[in-house]
Amino acid sequence: MYVQLITFRLDGMDPAEFASLCDTIAPEYADVPGLISKIFVADPDDPEAFGGVYLWRAREDAEIYTREGLAQVLVNSPQFTDFGSRILRVVPGPTAVTGGPVADLVGSPAA
């Protein structure tokens, strides 16, 4: 299981307009192959900084999404700048212990 952190900034798009866009496109994420969930995030100190926290079944799913999926809208649109992406492996043992939001998905820690 993998977590992907995507960050970007708005350039020429009002944050309220972007919020409306997010409401419109959110249902499309239900059909992204390998995606378990997506959390839409915003920087509380910077009204033009946004991102997403994605939980993936496999690293390859995240890589395909970044290369060919909805992420390309961010990469190719002049209204979004400073695109960043990082894919990290979920460490199951301590995640299960701390009760993180994916604890049920990673299972119990080894005895």
N, C-alpha and C. Protein backbone atom coordinates (compact mmCIF):
# COMPACT_ATOMS: atom_id res chain seq x y z
N MET A 1 0.85 -1.16 0.00
CA MET A 1 0.00 0.00 0.00
C MET A 1 0.90 1.23 0.00
N TYR A 2 0.47 2.26 -0.72
CA TYR A 2 1.28 3.46 -0.90
C TYR A 2 0.44 4.72 -0.69
N VAL A 3 1.11 5.76 -0.21
CA VAL A 3 0.52 7.08 -0.08
C VAL A 3 1.22 7.99 -1.06
N GLN A 4 0.44 8.78 -1.77
CA GLN A 4 1.01 9.77 -2.68
C GLN A 4 0.59 11.14 -2.20
N LEU A 5 1.57 12.03 -2.10
CA LEU A 5 1.31 13.42 -1.73
C LEU A 5 1.52 14.27 -2.98
N ILE A 6 0.49 14.96 -3.39
CA ILE A 6 0.57 15.86 -4.53
C ILE A 6 0.29 17.28 -4.02
N THR A 7 1.15 18.20 -4.42
CA THR A 7 0.96 19.61 -4.06
C THR A 7 1.07 20.47 -5.31
N PHE A 8 0.38 21.61 -5.26
CA PHE A 8 0.42 22.56 -6.37
C PHE A 8 -0.12 23.89 -5.89
N ARG A 9 0.04 24.89 -6.74
CA ARG A 9 -0.48 26.24 -6.46
C ARG A 9 -1.39 26.66 -7.59
N LEU A 10 -2.35 27.48 -7.25
CA LEU A 10 -3.22 28.07 -8.26
C LEU A 10 -2.52 29.26 -8.89
N ASP A 11 -2.75 29.45 -10.19
CA ASP A 11 -2.19 30.59 -10.91
C ASP A 11 -3.26 31.12 -11.84
N GLY A 12 -3.96 32.14 -11.39
CA GLY A 12 -5.01 32.72 -12.22
C GLY A 12 -6.39 32.10 -12.00
N MET A 13 -6.51 31.24 -11.02
CA MET A 13 -7.81 30.66 -10.69
C MET A 13 -8.14 31.05 -9.25
N ASP A 14 -9.33 31.55 -9.04
CA ASP A 14 -9.78 31.93 -7.72
C ASP A 14 -9.97 30.68 -6.86
N PRO A 15 -9.57 30.70 -5.59
CA PRO A 15 -9.76 29.53 -4.73
C PRO A 15 -11.21 29.05 -4.65
N ALA A 16 -12.18 29.96 -4.70
CA ALA A 16 -13.58 29.55 -4.68
C ALA A 16 -13.94 28.80 -5.96
N GLU A 17 -13.39 29.24 -7.08
CA GLU A 17 -13.60 28.55 -8.36
C GLU A 17 -12.98 27.15 -8.31
N PHE A 18 -11.80 27.05 -7.70
CA PHE A 18 -11.15 25.76 -7.57
C PHE A 18 -11.96 24.82 -6.67
N ALA A 19 -12.51 25.36 -5.59
CA ALA A 19 -13.34 24.54 -4.69
C ALA A 19 -14.54 23.98 -5.44
N SER A 20 -15.14 24.79 -6.28
CA SER A 20 -16.27 24.33 -7.09
C SER A 20 -15.83 23.25 -8.08
N LEU A 21 -14.66 23.43 -8.68
CA LEU A 21 -14.11 22.43 -9.59
C LEU A 21 -13.90 21.10 -8.85
N CYS A 22 -13.38 21.16 -7.64
CA CYS A 22 -13.16 19.95 -6.84
C CYS A 22 -14.47 19.21 -6.59
N ASP A 23 -15.52 19.96 -6.26
CA ASP A 23 -16.82 19.34 -6.04
C ASP A 23 -17.31 18.64 -7.30
N THR A 24 -17.01 19.21 -8.45
CA THR A 24 -17.44 18.64 -9.73
C THR A 24 -16.67 17.38 -10.09
N ILE A 25 -15.36 17.39 -9.87
CA ILE A 25 -14.55 16.26 -10.31
C ILE A 25 -14.40 15.15 -9.27
N ALA A 26 -14.76 15.40 -8.02
CA ALA A 26 -14.58 14.39 -6.96
C ALA A 26 -15.15 13.02 -7.33
N PRO A 27 -16.35 12.94 -7.92
CA PRO A 27 -16.89 11.60 -8.25
C PRO A 27 -16.02 10.82 -9.24
N GLU A 28 -15.24 11.51 -10.06
CA GLU A 28 -14.39 10.82 -11.04
C GLU A 28 -13.32 9.96 -10.35
N TYR A 29 -12.95 10.30 -9.14
CA TYR A 29 -11.93 9.55 -8.43
C TYR A 29 -12.41 8.17 -8.00
N ALA A 30 -13.71 7.97 -7.93
CA ALA A 30 -14.25 6.66 -7.55
C ALA A 30 -13.86 5.58 -8.55
N ASP A 31 -13.58 5.97 -9.78
CA ASP A 31 -13.27 5.00 -10.83
C ASP A 31 -11.78 4.92 -11.19
N VAL A 32 -10.91 5.56 -10.43
CA VAL A 32 -9.48 5.52 -10.73
C VAL A 32 -8.94 4.16 -10.28
N PRO A 33 -8.36 3.40 -11.21
CA PRO A 33 -7.86 2.06 -10.86
C PRO A 33 -6.81 2.09 -9.75
N GLY A 34 -7.02 1.25 -8.74
CA GLY A 34 -6.07 1.11 -7.66
C GLY A 34 -6.17 2.15 -6.56
N LEU A 35 -7.00 3.17 -6.74
CA LEU A 35 -7.12 4.22 -5.73
C LEU A 35 -8.08 3.77 -4.63
N ILE A 36 -7.60 3.77 -3.40
CA ILE A 36 -8.44 3.42 -2.26
C ILE A 36 -9.19 4.64 -1.77
N SER A 37 -8.48 5.76 -1.67
CA SER A 37 -9.14 7.01 -1.26
C SER A 37 -8.27 8.21 -1.62
N LYS A 38 -8.92 9.34 -1.67
CA LYS A 38 -8.24 10.61 -1.90
C LYS A 38 -8.76 11.62 -0.90
N ILE A 39 -7.85 12.37 -0.31
CA ILE A 39 -8.21 13.47 0.58
C ILE A 39 -7.78 14.75 -0.11
N PHE A 40 -8.71 15.66 -0.31
CA PHE A 40 -8.41 16.97 -0.88
C PHE A 40 -7.91 17.85 0.27
N VAL A 41 -6.77 18.54 0.08
CA VAL A 41 -6.20 19.36 1.15
C VAL A 41 -5.89 20.77 0.65
N ALA A 42 -5.88 21.70 1.61
CA ALA A 42 -5.57 23.10 1.33
C ALA A 42 -4.69 23.64 2.44
N ASP A 43 -3.75 24.48 2.09
CA ASP A 43 -2.86 25.10 3.07
C ASP A 43 -3.63 26.23 3.77
N PRO A 44 -3.81 26.14 5.08
CA PRO A 44 -4.58 27.17 5.78
C PRO A 44 -3.88 28.53 5.81
N ASP A 45 -2.56 28.54 5.53
CA ASP A 45 -1.81 29.79 5.57
C ASP A 45 -1.53 30.37 4.18
N ASP A 46 -1.94 29.65 3.14
CA ASP A 46 -1.68 30.10 1.77
C ASP A 46 -2.91 29.77 0.93
N PRO A 47 -3.74 30.77 0.62
CA PRO A 47 -5.00 30.50 -0.07
C PRO A 47 -4.87 29.97 -1.49
N GLU A 48 -3.65 29.92 -2.02
CA GLU A 48 -3.47 29.41 -3.38
C GLU A 48 -2.75 28.06 -3.41
N ALA A 49 -2.47 27.47 -2.25
CA ALA A 49 -1.75 26.20 -2.17
C ALA A 49 -2.72 25.07 -1.82
N PHE A 50 -2.73 24.05 -2.66
CA PHE A 50 -3.64 22.92 -2.49
C PHE A 50 -2.90 21.62 -2.75
N GLY A 51 -3.61 20.53 -2.60
CA GLY A 51 -3.01 19.24 -2.88
C GLY A 51 -3.96 18.10 -2.62
N GLY A 52 -3.39 16.92 -2.65
CA GLY A 52 -4.17 15.72 -2.40
C GLY A 52 -3.31 14.68 -1.71
N VAL A 53 -3.94 13.89 -0.86
CA VAL A 53 -3.31 12.75 -0.22
C VAL A 53 -4.06 11.53 -0.74
N TYR A 54 -3.34 10.68 -1.45
CA TYR A 54 -3.94 9.53 -2.13
C TYR A 54 -3.46 8.25 -1.47
N LEU A 55 -4.33 7.31 -1.30
CA LEU A 55 -3.97 5.99 -0.80
C LEU A 55 -4.16 4.99 -1.93
N TRP A 56 -3.07 4.32 -2.29
CA TRP A 56 -3.06 3.42 -3.44
C TRP A 56 -2.81 1.97 -3.01
N ARG A 57 -3.37 1.05 -3.78
CA ARG A 57 -3.12 -0.38 -3.56
C ARG A 57 -1.68 -0.74 -3.94
N ALA A 58 -1.16 -0.15 -5.00
CA ALA A 58 0.17 -0.48 -5.49
C ALA A 58 0.87 0.77 -6.00
N ARG A 59 2.17 0.78 -5.91
CA ARG A 59 2.97 1.91 -6.41
C ARG A 59 2.70 2.16 -7.89
N GLU A 60 2.60 1.08 -8.65
CA GLU A 60 2.36 1.22 -10.09
C GLU A 60 1.07 2.01 -10.38
N ASP A 61 0.04 1.81 -9.55
CA ASP A 61 -1.21 2.57 -9.73
C ASP A 61 -0.96 4.07 -9.60
N ALA A 62 -0.17 4.45 -8.60
CA ALA A 62 0.15 5.87 -8.39
C ALA A 62 0.98 6.42 -9.54
N GLU A 63 1.92 5.62 -10.00
CA GLU A 63 2.76 6.06 -11.11
C GLU A 63 1.96 6.25 -12.39
N ILE A 64 1.05 5.33 -12.67
CA ILE A 64 0.21 5.45 -13.87
C ILE A 64 -0.69 6.67 -13.74
N TYR A 65 -1.28 6.87 -12.56
CA TYR A 65 -2.14 8.04 -12.34
C TYR A 65 -1.36 9.34 -12.60
N THR A 66 -0.15 9.41 -12.10
CA THR A 66 0.66 10.62 -12.27
C THR A 66 1.03 10.84 -13.73
N ARG A 67 1.33 9.77 -14.41
CA ARG A 67 1.79 9.84 -15.79
C ARG A 67 0.64 10.00 -16.80
N GLU A 68 -0.51 9.36 -16.52
CA GLU A 68 -1.57 9.29 -17.52
C GLU A 68 -2.95 9.71 -17.03
N GLY A 69 -3.14 9.85 -15.73
CA GLY A 69 -4.47 10.06 -15.17
C GLY A 69 -4.83 11.51 -14.97
N LEU A 70 -5.76 11.73 -14.04
CA LEU A 70 -6.26 13.06 -13.76
C LEU A 70 -5.16 14.03 -13.32
N ALA A 71 -4.05 13.50 -12.81
CA ALA A 71 -2.95 14.38 -12.41
C ALA A 71 -2.42 15.19 -13.59
N GLN A 72 -2.58 14.67 -14.78
CA GLN A 72 -2.10 15.38 -15.96
C GLN A 72 -2.85 16.70 -16.19
N VAL A 73 -4.06 16.80 -15.66
CA VAL A 73 -4.78 18.08 -15.73
C VAL A 73 -3.98 19.15 -15.00
N LEU A 74 -3.44 18.79 -13.84
CA LEU A 74 -2.63 19.74 -13.07
C LEU A 74 -1.33 20.06 -13.77
N VAL A 75 -0.69 19.04 -14.28
CA VAL A 75 0.61 19.21 -14.93
C VAL A 75 0.50 20.07 -16.18
N ASN A 76 -0.55 19.87 -16.95
CA ASN A 76 -0.67 20.51 -18.27
C ASN A 76 -1.47 21.81 -18.30
N SER A 77 -2.09 22.19 -17.21
CA SER A 77 -2.89 23.41 -17.19
C SER A 77 -2.07 24.59 -16.67
N PRO A 78 -2.13 25.72 -17.36
CA PRO A 78 -1.40 26.90 -16.87
C PRO A 78 -2.00 27.48 -15.59
N GLN A 79 -3.17 27.01 -15.19
CA GLN A 79 -3.80 27.51 -13.96
C GLN A 79 -3.24 26.84 -12.70
N PHE A 80 -2.35 25.86 -12.89
CA PHE A 80 -1.73 25.16 -11.77
C PHE A 80 -0.22 25.20 -11.95
N THR A 81 0.50 25.58 -10.89
CA THR A 81 1.96 25.67 -10.96
C THR A 81 2.57 24.91 -9.77
N ASP A 82 3.88 24.80 -9.81
CA ASP A 82 4.65 24.19 -8.72
C ASP A 82 4.14 22.80 -8.35
N PHE A 83 3.82 22.00 -9.38
CA PHE A 83 3.34 20.65 -9.16
C PHE A 83 4.43 19.80 -8.52
N GLY A 84 4.07 19.11 -7.45
CA GLY A 84 5.00 18.20 -6.80
C GLY A 84 4.28 16.90 -6.48
N SER A 85 5.01 15.80 -6.56
CA SER A 85 4.43 14.50 -6.25
C SER A 85 5.49 13.64 -5.57
N ARG A 86 5.05 12.94 -4.54
CA ARG A 86 5.94 12.01 -3.85
C ARG A 86 5.13 10.78 -3.49
N ILE A 87 5.67 9.60 -3.77
CA ILE A 87 5.01 8.34 -3.48
C ILE A 87 5.79 7.65 -2.37
N LEU A 88 5.08 7.31 -1.30
CA LEU A 88 5.69 6.71 -0.12
C LEU A 88 5.01 5.38 0.22
N ARG A 89 5.78 4.43 0.67
CA ARG A 89 5.22 3.14 1.08
C ARG A 89 4.67 3.26 2.50
N VAL A 90 3.48 2.69 2.73
CA VAL A 90 2.91 2.65 4.07
C VAL A 90 3.66 1.57 4.86
N VAL A 91 4.10 1.89 6.05
CA VAL A 91 4.78 0.95 6.92
C VAL A 91 3.71 0.31 7.81
N PRO A 92 3.35 -0.94 7.55
CA PRO A 92 2.18 -1.53 8.18
C PRO A 92 2.23 -1.68 9.70
N GLY A 93 3.32 -2.16 10.26
CA GLY A 93 3.36 -2.44 11.70
C GLY A 93 2.99 -1.25 12.57
N PRO A 94 3.78 -0.17 12.52
CA PRO A 94 3.46 0.96 13.38
C PRO A 94 2.15 1.66 12.99
N THR A 95 1.78 1.59 11.71
CA THR A 95 0.51 2.20 11.29
C THR A 95 -0.66 1.50 11.96
N ALA A 96 -0.60 0.16 12.04
CA ALA A 96 -1.66 -0.59 12.71
C ALA A 96 -1.70 -0.27 14.20
N VAL A 97 -0.53 -0.08 14.81
CA VAL A 97 -0.46 0.22 16.24
C VAL A 97 -1.07 1.59 16.55
N THR A 98 -0.77 2.57 15.72
CA THR A 98 -1.23 3.93 16.01
C THR A 98 -2.67 4.17 15.61
N GLY A 99 -3.29 3.20 14.96
CA GLY A 99 -4.70 3.36 14.58
C GLY A 99 -4.90 4.37 13.49
N GLY A 100 -3.88 4.57 12.66
CA GLY A 100 -4.02 5.49 11.54
C GLY A 100 -5.23 5.13 10.69
N PRO A 101 -5.66 6.05 9.84
CA PRO A 101 -6.88 5.81 9.06
C PRO A 101 -6.81 4.61 8.15
N VAL A 102 -5.62 4.05 7.97
CA VAL A 102 -5.49 2.87 7.11
C VAL A 102 -5.17 1.62 7.95
N ALA A 103 -5.25 1.72 9.27
CA ALA A 103 -4.86 0.61 10.14
C ALA A 103 -5.62 -0.67 9.80
N ASP A 104 -6.90 -0.57 9.53
CA ASP A 104 -7.69 -1.76 9.20
C ASP A 104 -7.24 -2.37 7.88
N LEU A 105 -6.69 -1.57 6.99
CA LEU A 105 -6.26 -2.07 5.71
C LEU A 105 -4.90 -2.76 5.76
N VAL A 106 -4.04 -2.34 6.69
CA VAL A 106 -2.71 -2.91 6.76
C VAL A 106 -2.64 -4.11 7.69
N GLY A 107 -3.67 -4.31 8.53
CA GLY A 107 -3.69 -5.47 9.42
C GLY A 107 -3.01 -5.20 10.74
N SER A 108 -3.05 -6.21 11.58
CA SER A 108 -2.45 -6.13 12.91
C SER A 108 -0.95 -6.27 12.83
N PRO A 109 -0.25 -5.64 13.78
CA PRO A 109 1.22 -5.81 13.78
C PRO A 109 1.57 -7.24 14.16
N ALA A 110 2.73 -7.69 13.70
CA ALA A 110 3.19 -9.02 14.03
C ALA A 110 3.43 -9.13 15.54
N ALA A 111 3.12 -10.29 16.08
CA ALA A 111 3.29 -10.50 17.54
C ALA A 111 4.74 -10.72 17.88
